[in-house]
Amino acid sequence: MNTTFEFSSNPRFMWIYNYDEKGVFTGTFNYCVPPGTGLPANCTTVPCQPKSGMAGVWDGQKWRTVPDLRGVEYWDSHGTPFIVLELIAALPDWAVTVAPPVAALGNVLLFKEGAWLELTDQTGAIYYSADGEEYQVPDAWFILPEGYTFISPGTPYDHWDGTEWVTDTLAQQAAQAQEAAQQKHDAIVQAQDQRQILRGHADEQVTELEDAIALGIQQDGDADRLTAWKTYRVLLGRVDLQSAPAIDWPVMP
C-alpha cells in the first residue's frame, strides 16, 4: 500500500491515523483533504491497527506496538487502589493485581506472600520480646513477629516460651536476696548516721553540765541530769546497728 502523501488540486477523502503529543494512537477517520492542503497535525496515512491489549506509538516514521495497560486497576500492599491512565512500560514492582476484600470497621488490609490479610489496627499497643523487653506497635499493618507476645510478663524474671511466661525462680531469688542485702546495708548506714547525730547532741549536754559543775555554777538537778546524759550516751554506744531498721533506740533524757 502506498502511504506517501501527495498534494492535490482536487478534494479527496483519505483514511488518517491520529496520535497525541506523545505519539500514542488515538483513532482513525476518513478525512476530506481540501484542494492544495496537507494533512492535519499529529496524524499520518500509515495504517495503525494494534491488536487487543496493545497500543500503537508513532515514532515519526512508523508505528510500533507496545503493551497497553491503560485502564488496568491495581493496588498497593495496603489496598489503596490505582488505575493506569497513560501508557507505561509495566506496572510498578510493588503493584498487586489481586483485588482486595472489604475490611471490617477498625481493620486494615495487608497483601503478604500472595494473599490478602485482614489485620486489627493495634497502633500504639505494647508487645514484648521473649526476654520481656517492651516495644510499641508502630502502625496499623503491624504483624507480631515470631517469638513475641502481647501478653505482659508477670515479673522481670519471666521468659516467653512461645505459649506462656515462665519465671526463672533462681534468678528471681538471687535478685530478691541482693535487694534485701542492699536494703539492710542502707538501713545500717542510716542507723549509723542517726546514732552520730544523737551522740553529738548527748556530748553537747554532757560537756555543758560538766562545765557548770566544775565552775561551781550548777543548778539543782544538774548532777542527776549529767548522770542521765552519760547513761544515755553509753546506751547509744551499745545499740546493735546490725538489727537496723528494727532498732529500739534509748530514750533521750
C-alpha atoms as a PDB file:
ATOM      1  CA  MET A   1       0.000   0.000   0.000  1.00  0.00           C
ATOM      2  CA  ASN A   2       1.334   3.410  -0.950  1.00  0.00           C
ATOM      3  CA  THR A   3       1.082   5.656   2.135  1.00  0.00           C
ATOM      4  CA  THR A   4       3.111   8.566   0.785  1.00  0.00           C
ATOM      5  CA  PHE A   5       1.061  11.744   0.877  1.00  0.00           C
ATOM      6  CA  GLU A   6       0.910  13.911  -2.237  1.00  0.00           C
ATOM      7  CA  PHE A   7      -0.698  17.299  -2.617  1.00  0.00           C
ATOM      8  CA  SER A   8      -3.658  17.520  -4.985  1.00  0.00           C
ATOM      9  CA  SER A   9      -5.686  20.313  -6.595  1.00  0.00           C
ATOM     10  CA  ASN A  10      -8.838  18.265  -6.034  1.00  0.00           C
ATOM     11  CA  PRO A  11     -10.600  17.456  -2.748  1.00  0.00           C
ATOM     12  CA  ARG A  12     -10.262  13.854  -1.699  1.00  0.00           C
ATOM     13  CA  PHE A  13     -11.025  11.552   1.213  1.00  0.00           C
ATOM     14  CA  MET A  14      -8.204   9.719   2.971  1.00  0.00           C
ATOM     15  CA  TRP A  15      -8.022   7.499   5.995  1.00  0.00           C
ATOM     16  CA  ILE A  16      -5.790   9.194   8.545  1.00  0.00           C
ATOM     17  CA  TYR A  17      -4.438   7.792  11.816  1.00  0.00           C
ATOM     18  CA  ASN A  18      -4.189  10.248  14.693  1.00  0.00           C
ATOM     19  CA  TYR A  19      -1.807  10.291  17.642  1.00  0.00           C
ATOM     20  CA  ASP A  20      -1.432  12.535  20.691  1.00  0.00           C
ATOM     21  CA  GLU A  21       1.525  14.674  21.773  1.00  0.00           C
ATOM     22  CA  LYS A  22       3.318  11.555  22.966  1.00  0.00           C
ATOM     23  CA  GLY A  23       2.741   9.724  19.690  1.00  0.00           C
ATOM     24  CA  VAL A  24       0.113   7.368  21.122  1.00  0.00           C
ATOM     25  CA  PHE A  25      -2.518   6.273  18.584  1.00  0.00           C
ATOM     26  CA  THR A  26      -5.884   7.857  19.356  1.00  0.00           C
ATOM     27  CA  GLY A  27      -8.069   6.741  16.444  1.00  0.00           C
ATOM     28  CA  THR A  28      -8.735   6.913  12.737  1.00  0.00           C
ATOM     29  CA  PHE A  29     -11.337   8.504  10.459  1.00  0.00           C
ATOM     30  CA  ASN A  30     -11.949   9.251   6.808  1.00  0.00           C
ATOM     31  CA  TYR A  31     -10.710  12.802   6.366  1.00  0.00           C
ATOM     32  CA  CYS A  32     -11.574  15.097   3.474  1.00  0.00           C
ATOM     33  CA  VAL A  33      -8.380  16.849   2.365  1.00  0.00           C
ATOM     34  CA  PRO A  34      -9.182  20.267   0.844  1.00  0.00           C
ATOM     35  CA  PRO A  35      -7.556  21.095  -2.519  1.00  0.00           C
ATOM     36  CA  GLY A  36      -3.894  22.126  -2.238  1.00  0.00           C
ATOM     37  CA  THR A  37      -3.657  21.421   1.529  1.00  0.00           C
ATOM     38  CA  GLY A  38      -1.871  18.833   3.605  1.00  0.00           C
ATOM     39  CA  LEU A  39      -2.816  16.623   6.474  1.00  0.00           C
ATOM     40  CA  PRO A  40      -3.790  17.914   9.944  1.00  0.00           C
ATOM     41  CA  ALA A  41      -1.209  17.918  12.722  1.00  0.00           C
ATOM     42  CA  ASN A  42      -0.497  14.724  14.674  1.00  0.00           C
ATOM     43  CA  CYS A  43      -1.669  12.268  12.044  1.00  0.00           C
ATOM     44  CA  THR A  44      -0.362  10.007   9.323  1.00  0.00           C
ATOM     45  CA  THR A  45      -1.757   7.934   6.495  1.00  0.00           C
ATOM     46  CA  VAL A  46       0.275   4.935   7.643  1.00  0.00           C
ATOM     47  CA  PRO A  47      -2.269   2.456   8.979  1.00  0.00           C
ATOM     48  CA  CYS A  48      -2.267   1.530  12.673  1.00  0.00           C
ATOM     49  CA  GLN A  49      -4.318  -1.474  13.746  1.00  0.00           C
ATOM     50  CA  PRO A  50      -2.977  -2.679  17.104  1.00  0.00           C
ATOM     51  CA  LYS A  51      -4.266  -5.962  18.439  1.00  0.00           C
ATOM     52  CA  SER A  52      -6.300  -6.190  21.634  1.00  0.00           C
ATOM     53  CA  GLY A  53      -4.179  -5.314  24.656  1.00  0.00           C
ATOM     54  CA  MET A  54      -1.654  -3.432  22.533  1.00  0.00           C
ATOM     55  CA  ALA A  55      -1.257   0.229  21.577  1.00  0.00           C
ATOM     56  CA  GLY A  56       0.378   1.969  18.619  1.00  0.00           C
ATOM     57  CA  VAL A  57       3.056   4.595  19.133  1.00  0.00           C
ATOM     58  CA  TRP A  58       4.211   6.776  16.204  1.00  0.00           C
ATOM     59  CA  ASP A  59       7.976   7.361  16.180  1.00  0.00           C
ATOM     60  CA  GLY A  60       7.929   9.827  13.289  1.00  0.00           C
ATOM     61  CA  GLN A  61       8.363   7.228  10.580  1.00  0.00           C
ATOM     62  CA  LYS A  62       6.441   4.146  11.582  1.00  0.00           C
ATOM     63  CA  TRP A  63       4.145   2.681  14.160  1.00  0.00           C
ATOM     64  CA  ARG A  64       5.451   0.419  16.872  1.00  0.00           C
ATOM     65  CA  THR A  65       3.213  -1.606  19.152  1.00  0.00           C
ATOM     66  CA  VAL A  66       3.574  -1.762  22.918  1.00  0.00           C
ATOM     67  CA  PRO A  67       1.505  -3.374  25.672  1.00  0.00           C
ATOM     68  CA  ASP A  68      -1.487  -1.213  26.542  1.00  0.00           C
ATOM     69  CA  LEU A  69      -2.094  -1.212  30.309  1.00  0.00           C
ATOM     70  CA  ARG A  70      -4.440   1.766  30.305  1.00  0.00           C
ATOM     71  CA  GLY A  71      -7.496   1.070  32.402  1.00  0.00           C
ATOM     72  CA  VAL A  72      -5.779  -1.669  34.376  1.00  0.00           C
ATOM     73  CA  GLU A  73      -6.586  -1.426  38.081  1.00  0.00           C
ATOM     74  CA  TYR A  74      -4.029  -2.341  40.715  1.00  0.00           C
ATOM     75  CA  TRP A  75      -3.426  -1.829  44.436  1.00  0.00           C
ATOM     76  CA  ASP A  76      -0.576  -1.269  46.826  1.00  0.00           C
ATOM     77  CA  SER A  77       0.049  -3.726  49.672  1.00  0.00           C
ATOM     78  CA  HIS A  78      -2.349  -1.786  51.919  1.00  0.00           C
ATOM     79  CA  GLY A  79      -5.250  -1.965  49.466  1.00  0.00           C
ATOM     80  CA  THR A  80      -5.032   1.581  48.112  1.00  0.00           C
ATOM     81  CA  PRO A  81      -6.432   1.491  44.534  1.00  0.00           C
ATOM     82  CA  PHE A  82      -4.726   2.856  41.434  1.00  0.00           C
ATOM     83  CA  ILE A  83      -5.614   2.837  37.742  1.00  0.00           C
ATOM     84  CA  VAL A  84      -3.331   3.226  34.739  1.00  0.00           C
ATOM     85  CA  LEU A  85      -4.279   6.376  32.845  1.00  0.00           C
ATOM     86  CA  GLU A  86      -1.485   6.512  30.287  1.00  0.00           C
ATOM     87  CA  LEU A  87       0.921   4.178  28.552  1.00  0.00           C
ATOM     88  CA  ILE A  88       3.552   2.731  30.860  1.00  0.00           C
ATOM     89  CA  ALA A  89       6.094   0.020  30.205  1.00  0.00           C
ATOM     90  CA  ALA A  90       4.965  -2.083  33.163  1.00  0.00           C
ATOM     91  CA  LEU A  91       3.158  -1.892  36.474  1.00  0.00           C
ATOM     92  CA  PRO A  92       5.262  -0.866  39.491  1.00  0.00           C
ATOM     93  CA  ASP A  93       7.171  -3.660  41.205  1.00  0.00           C
ATOM     94  CA  TRP A  94       5.001  -3.248  44.284  1.00  0.00           C
ATOM     95  CA  ALA A  95       1.693  -3.410  42.368  1.00  0.00           C
ATOM     96  CA  VAL A  96      -0.862  -6.002  43.457  1.00  0.00           C
ATOM     97  CA  THR A  97      -3.291  -7.125  40.763  1.00  0.00           C
ATOM     98  CA  VAL A  98      -5.462  -9.259  43.065  1.00  0.00           C
ATOM     99  CA  ALA A  99      -8.481  -7.239  44.167  1.00  0.00           C
ATOM    100  CA  PRO A 100      -8.609  -6.803  47.962  1.00  0.00           C
ATOM    101  CA  PRO A 101     -11.615  -7.754  50.081  1.00  0.00           C
ATOM    102  CA  VAL A 102     -13.571  -5.172  52.056  1.00  0.00           C
ATOM    103  CA  ALA A 103     -12.082  -4.829  55.536  1.00  0.00           C
ATOM    104  CA  ALA A 104     -14.304  -4.734  58.596  1.00  0.00           C
ATOM    105  CA  LEU A 105     -14.573  -1.480  60.529  1.00  0.00           C
ATOM    106  CA  GLY A 106     -11.389  -0.918  62.512  1.00  0.00           C
ATOM    107  CA  ASN A 107      -9.392  -3.421  60.463  1.00  0.00           C
ATOM    108  CA  VAL A 108      -6.818  -2.878  57.738  1.00  0.00           C
ATOM    109  CA  LEU A 109      -5.607  -4.944  54.785  1.00  0.00           C
ATOM    110  CA  LEU A 110      -2.116  -6.185  54.020  1.00  0.00           C
ATOM    111  CA  PHE A 111      -1.015  -8.172  50.970  1.00  0.00           C
ATOM    112  CA  LYS A 112       1.614 -10.631  52.084  1.00  0.00           C
ATOM    113  CA  GLU A 113       3.028 -13.757  50.442  1.00  0.00           C
ATOM    114  CA  GLY A 114       0.441 -13.752  47.662  1.00  0.00           C
ATOM    115  CA  ALA A 115      -2.672 -13.279  49.780  1.00  0.00           C
ATOM    116  CA  TRP A 116      -4.648 -10.529  51.468  1.00  0.00           C
ATOM    117  CA  LEU A 117      -4.605 -10.470  55.256  1.00  0.00           C
ATOM    118  CA  GLU A 118      -7.136  -8.593  57.353  1.00  0.00           C
ATOM    119  CA  LEU A 119      -5.499  -7.142  60.452  1.00  0.00           C
ATOM    120  CA  THR A 120      -6.840  -5.457  63.546  1.00  0.00           C
ATOM    121  CA  ASP A 121      -5.393  -1.980  63.923  1.00  0.00           C
ATOM    122  CA  GLN A 122      -3.334  -2.150  67.118  1.00  0.00           C
ATOM    123  CA  THR A 123      -1.308   1.018  66.630  1.00  0.00           C
ATOM    124  CA  GLY A 124       0.298   2.047  69.922  1.00  0.00           C
ATOM    125  CA  ALA A 125      -0.291  -1.299  71.643  1.00  0.00           C
ATOM    126  CA  ILE A 126       2.543  -2.752  73.736  1.00  0.00           C
ATOM    127  CA  TYR A 127       4.137  -6.085  72.885  1.00  0.00           C
ATOM    128  CA  TYR A 128       7.066  -7.964  74.384  1.00  0.00           C
ATOM    129  CA  SER A 129      10.104  -9.942  73.325  1.00  0.00           C
ATOM    130  CA  ALA A 130      10.813 -13.353  74.828  1.00  0.00           C
ATOM    131  CA  ASP A 131      13.039 -11.637  77.408  1.00  0.00           C
ATOM    132  CA  GLY A 132      10.304  -9.222  78.419  1.00  0.00           C
ATOM    133  CA  GLU A 133      11.650  -6.181  76.583  1.00  0.00           C
ATOM    134  CA  GLU A 134       8.843  -3.766  75.797  1.00  0.00           C
ATOM    135  CA  TYR A 135       8.001  -2.416  72.332  1.00  0.00           C
ATOM    136  CA  GLN A 136       5.176  -0.369  70.802  1.00  0.00           C
ATOM    137  CA  VAL A 137       3.209  -1.242  67.661  1.00  0.00           C
ATOM    138  CA  PRO A 138       4.285   1.376  65.087  1.00  0.00           C
ATOM    139  CA  ASP A 139       1.386   1.264  62.624  1.00  0.00           C
ATOM    140  CA  ALA A 140      -1.864  -0.417  61.629  1.00  0.00           C
ATOM    141  CA  TRP A 141      -0.199  -3.026  59.383  1.00  0.00           C
ATOM    142  CA  PHE A 142       1.983  -4.499  62.105  1.00  0.00           C
ATOM    143  CA  ILE A 143       2.296  -8.281  62.267  1.00  0.00           C
ATOM    144  CA  LEU A 144       3.559  -9.697  65.545  1.00  0.00           C
ATOM    145  CA  PRO A 145       6.963 -11.331  64.896  1.00  0.00           C
ATOM    146  CA  GLU A 146       7.569 -14.904  65.914  1.00  0.00           C
ATOM    147  CA  GLY A 147       8.764 -15.168  69.498  1.00  0.00           C
ATOM    148  CA  TYR A 148       6.907 -12.024  70.628  1.00  0.00           C
ATOM    149  CA  THR A 149       3.640 -11.629  72.518  1.00  0.00           C
ATOM    150  CA  PHE A 150       1.067  -9.027  73.511  1.00  0.00           C
ATOM    151  CA  ILE A 151       0.721 -10.696  76.929  1.00  0.00           C
ATOM    152  CA  SER A 152       2.667  -8.784  79.574  1.00  0.00           C
ATOM    153  CA  PRO A 153       5.121 -10.690  81.798  1.00  0.00           C
ATOM    154  CA  GLY A 154       4.305 -11.099  85.472  1.00  0.00           C
ATOM    155  CA  THR A 155       7.817 -10.490  86.791  1.00  0.00           C
ATOM    156  CA  PRO A 156      11.129  -9.111  85.475  1.00  0.00           C
ATOM    157  CA  TYR A 157      12.415 -12.700  85.576  1.00  0.00           C
ATOM    158  CA  ASP A 158       9.915 -14.189  83.119  1.00  0.00           C
ATOM    159  CA  HIS A 159      10.819 -15.717  79.747  1.00  0.00           C
ATOM    160  CA  TRP A 160       8.301 -16.330  76.962  1.00  0.00           C
ATOM    161  CA  ASP A 161       8.399 -19.969  75.820  1.00  0.00           C
ATOM    162  CA  GLY A 162       6.047 -19.406  72.886  1.00  0.00           C
ATOM    163  CA  THR A 163       2.925 -20.247  74.866  1.00  0.00           C
ATOM    164  CA  GLU A 164       3.283 -18.673  78.290  1.00  0.00           C
ATOM    165  CA  TRP A 165       5.643 -16.773  80.556  1.00  0.00           C
ATOM    166  CA  VAL A 166       7.932 -18.978  82.645  1.00  0.00           C
ATOM    167  CA  THR A 167       9.566 -17.441  85.724  1.00  0.00           C
ATOM    168  CA  ASP A 168      13.276 -18.032  86.320  1.00  0.00           C
ATOM    169  CA  THR A 169      12.912 -18.667  90.063  1.00  0.00           C
ATOM    170  CA  LEU A 170      16.659 -18.933  90.686  1.00  0.00           C
ATOM    171  CA  ALA A 171      17.276 -15.527  89.143  1.00  0.00           C
ATOM    172  CA  GLN A 172      14.286 -14.124  90.992  1.00  0.00           C
ATOM    173  CA  GLN A 173      15.522 -15.455  94.344  1.00  0.00           C
ATOM    174  CA  ALA A 174      19.040 -14.173  93.701  1.00  0.00           C
ATOM    175  CA  ALA A 175      17.702 -10.718  92.849  1.00  0.00           C
ATOM    176  CA  GLN A 176      15.464 -10.692  95.902  1.00  0.00           C
ATOM    177  CA  ALA A 177      18.408 -11.678  98.103  1.00  0.00           C
ATOM    178  CA  GLN A 178      20.542  -8.939  96.562  1.00  0.00           C
ATOM    179  CA  GLU A 179      17.778  -6.390  97.054  1.00  0.00           C
ATOM    180  CA  ALA A 180      17.316  -7.453 100.685  1.00  0.00           C
ATOM    181  CA  ALA A 181      21.073  -7.177 101.293  1.00  0.00           C
ATOM    182  CA  GLN A 182      21.114  -3.690  99.806  1.00  0.00           C
ATOM    183  CA  GLN A 183      18.154  -2.623 101.914  1.00  0.00           C
ATOM    184  CA  LYS A 184      19.923  -3.997 105.014  1.00  0.00           C
ATOM    185  CA  HIS A 185      23.098  -2.113 104.160  1.00  0.00           C
ATOM    186  CA  ASP A 186      21.174   1.116 103.598  1.00  0.00           C
ATOM    187  CA  ALA A 187      19.371   0.691 106.934  1.00  0.00           C
ATOM    188  CA  ILE A 188      22.662   0.194 108.798  1.00  0.00           C
ATOM    189  CA  VAL A 189      24.209   3.256 107.175  1.00  0.00           C
ATOM    190  CA  GLN A 190      21.130   5.283 108.083  1.00  0.00           C
ATOM    191  CA  ALA A 191      21.309   3.991 111.676  1.00  0.00           C
ATOM    192  CA  GLN A 192      24.996   4.932 111.873  1.00  0.00           C
ATOM    193  CA  ASP A 193      24.161   8.459 110.776  1.00  0.00           C
ATOM    194  CA  GLN A 194      21.296   8.650 113.272  1.00  0.00           C
ATOM    195  CA  ARG A 195      23.495   7.486 116.174  1.00  0.00           C
ATOM    196  CA  GLN A 196      26.168  10.009 115.247  1.00  0.00           C
ATOM    197  CA  ILE A 197      23.596  12.806 115.369  1.00  0.00           C
ATOM    198  CA  LEU A 198      22.201  11.620 118.719  1.00  0.00           C
ATOM    199  CA  ARG A 199      25.700  11.122 120.148  1.00  0.00           C
ATOM    200  CA  GLY A 200      26.666  14.648 119.121  1.00  0.00           C
ATOM    201  CA  HIS A 201      23.662  16.066 120.958  1.00  0.00           C
ATOM    202  CA  ALA A 202      24.456  13.963 124.059  1.00  0.00           C
ATOM    203  CA  ASP A 203      28.090  15.126 124.008  1.00  0.00           C
ATOM    204  CA  GLU A 204      26.944  18.744 123.981  1.00  0.00           C
ATOM    205  CA  GLN A 205      24.705  18.149 127.000  1.00  0.00           C
ATOM    206  CA  VAL A 206      27.414  16.290 128.968  1.00  0.00           C
ATOM    207  CA  THR A 207      30.050  18.950 128.243  1.00  0.00           C
ATOM    208  CA  GLU A 208      27.732  21.796 129.285  1.00  0.00           C
ATOM    209  CA  LEU A 209      26.755  20.093 132.538  1.00  0.00           C
ATOM    210  CA  GLU A 210      30.354  19.116 133.374  1.00  0.00           C
ATOM    211  CA  ASP A 211      31.472  22.717 132.802  1.00  0.00           C
ATOM    212  CA  ALA A 212      28.738  24.064 135.068  1.00  0.00           C
ATOM    213  CA  ILE A 213      29.665  21.669 137.888  1.00  0.00           C
ATOM    214  CA  ALA A 214      33.412  22.304 137.504  1.00  0.00           C
ATOM    215  CA  LEU A 215      32.846  26.070 137.696  1.00  0.00           C
ATOM    216  CA  GLY A 216      30.512  25.746 140.681  1.00  0.00           C
ATOM    217  CA  ILE A 217      27.596  27.324 138.861  1.00  0.00           C
ATOM    218  CA  GLN A 218      25.461  24.213 138.528  1.00  0.00           C
ATOM    219  CA  GLN A 219      21.757  24.307 139.214  1.00  0.00           C
ATOM    220  CA  ASP A 220      19.663  21.931 141.232  1.00  0.00           C
ATOM    221  CA  GLY A 221      19.416  18.602 139.447  1.00  0.00           C
ATOM    222  CA  ASP A 222      22.397  19.148 137.150  1.00  0.00           C
ATOM    223  CA  ALA A 223      24.278  16.254 138.728  1.00  0.00           C
ATOM    224  CA  ASP A 224      21.365  13.924 138.092  1.00  0.00           C
ATOM    225  CA  ARG A 225      20.967  15.257 134.555  1.00  0.00           C
ATOM    226  CA  LEU A 226      24.689  14.694 133.932  1.00  0.00           C
ATOM    227  CA  THR A 227      24.358  11.100 135.066  1.00  0.00           C
ATOM    228  CA  ALA A 228      21.295  10.622 132.857  1.00  0.00           C
ATOM    229  CA  TRP A 229      23.011  12.035 129.775  1.00  0.00           C
ATOM    230  CA  LYS A 230      26.137   9.952 130.351  1.00  0.00           C
ATOM    231  CA  THR A 231      23.993   6.861 130.793  1.00  0.00           C
ATOM    232  CA  TYR A 232      22.135   7.723 127.573  1.00  0.00           C
ATOM    233  CA  ARG A 233      25.439   8.173 125.757  1.00  0.00           C
ATOM    234  CA  VAL A 234      26.630   4.756 126.921  1.00  0.00           C
ATOM    235  CA  LEU A 235      23.370   3.142 125.823  1.00  0.00           C
ATOM    236  CA  LEU A 236      23.719   4.766 122.415  1.00  0.00           C
ATOM    237  CA  GLY A 237      27.122   3.163 122.011  1.00  0.00           C
ATOM    238  CA  ARG A 238      25.676  -0.236 122.884  1.00  0.00           C
ATOM    239  CA  VAL A 239      22.966  -0.112 120.228  1.00  0.00           C
ATOM    240  CA  ASP A 240      23.299  -3.069 117.812  1.00  0.00           C
ATOM    241  CA  LEU A 241      23.279  -1.372 114.422  1.00  0.00           C
ATOM    242  CA  GLN A 242      23.073  -4.751 112.675  1.00  0.00           C
ATOM    243  CA  SER A 243      19.461  -5.002 113.843  1.00  0.00           C
ATOM    244  CA  ALA A 244      18.541  -1.963 111.709  1.00  0.00           C
ATOM    245  CA  PRO A 245      15.983  -0.879 110.805  1.00  0.00           C
ATOM    246  CA  ALA A 246      14.275  -2.555 113.794  1.00  0.00           C
ATOM    247  CA  ILE A 247      16.314  -0.651 116.423  1.00  0.00           C
ATOM    248  CA  ASP A 248      14.919   0.145 119.878  1.00  0.00           C
ATOM    249  CA  TRP A 249      16.645   3.461 120.462  1.00  0.00           C
ATOM    250  CA  PRO A 250      17.257   4.513 124.115  1.00  0.00           C
ATOM    251  CA  VAL A 251      15.003   7.299 125.347  1.00  0.00           C
ATOM    252  CA  MET A 252      16.649  10.719 125.410  1.00  0.00           C
ATOM    253  CA  PRO A 253      16.707  12.320 128.937  1.00  0.00           C
END
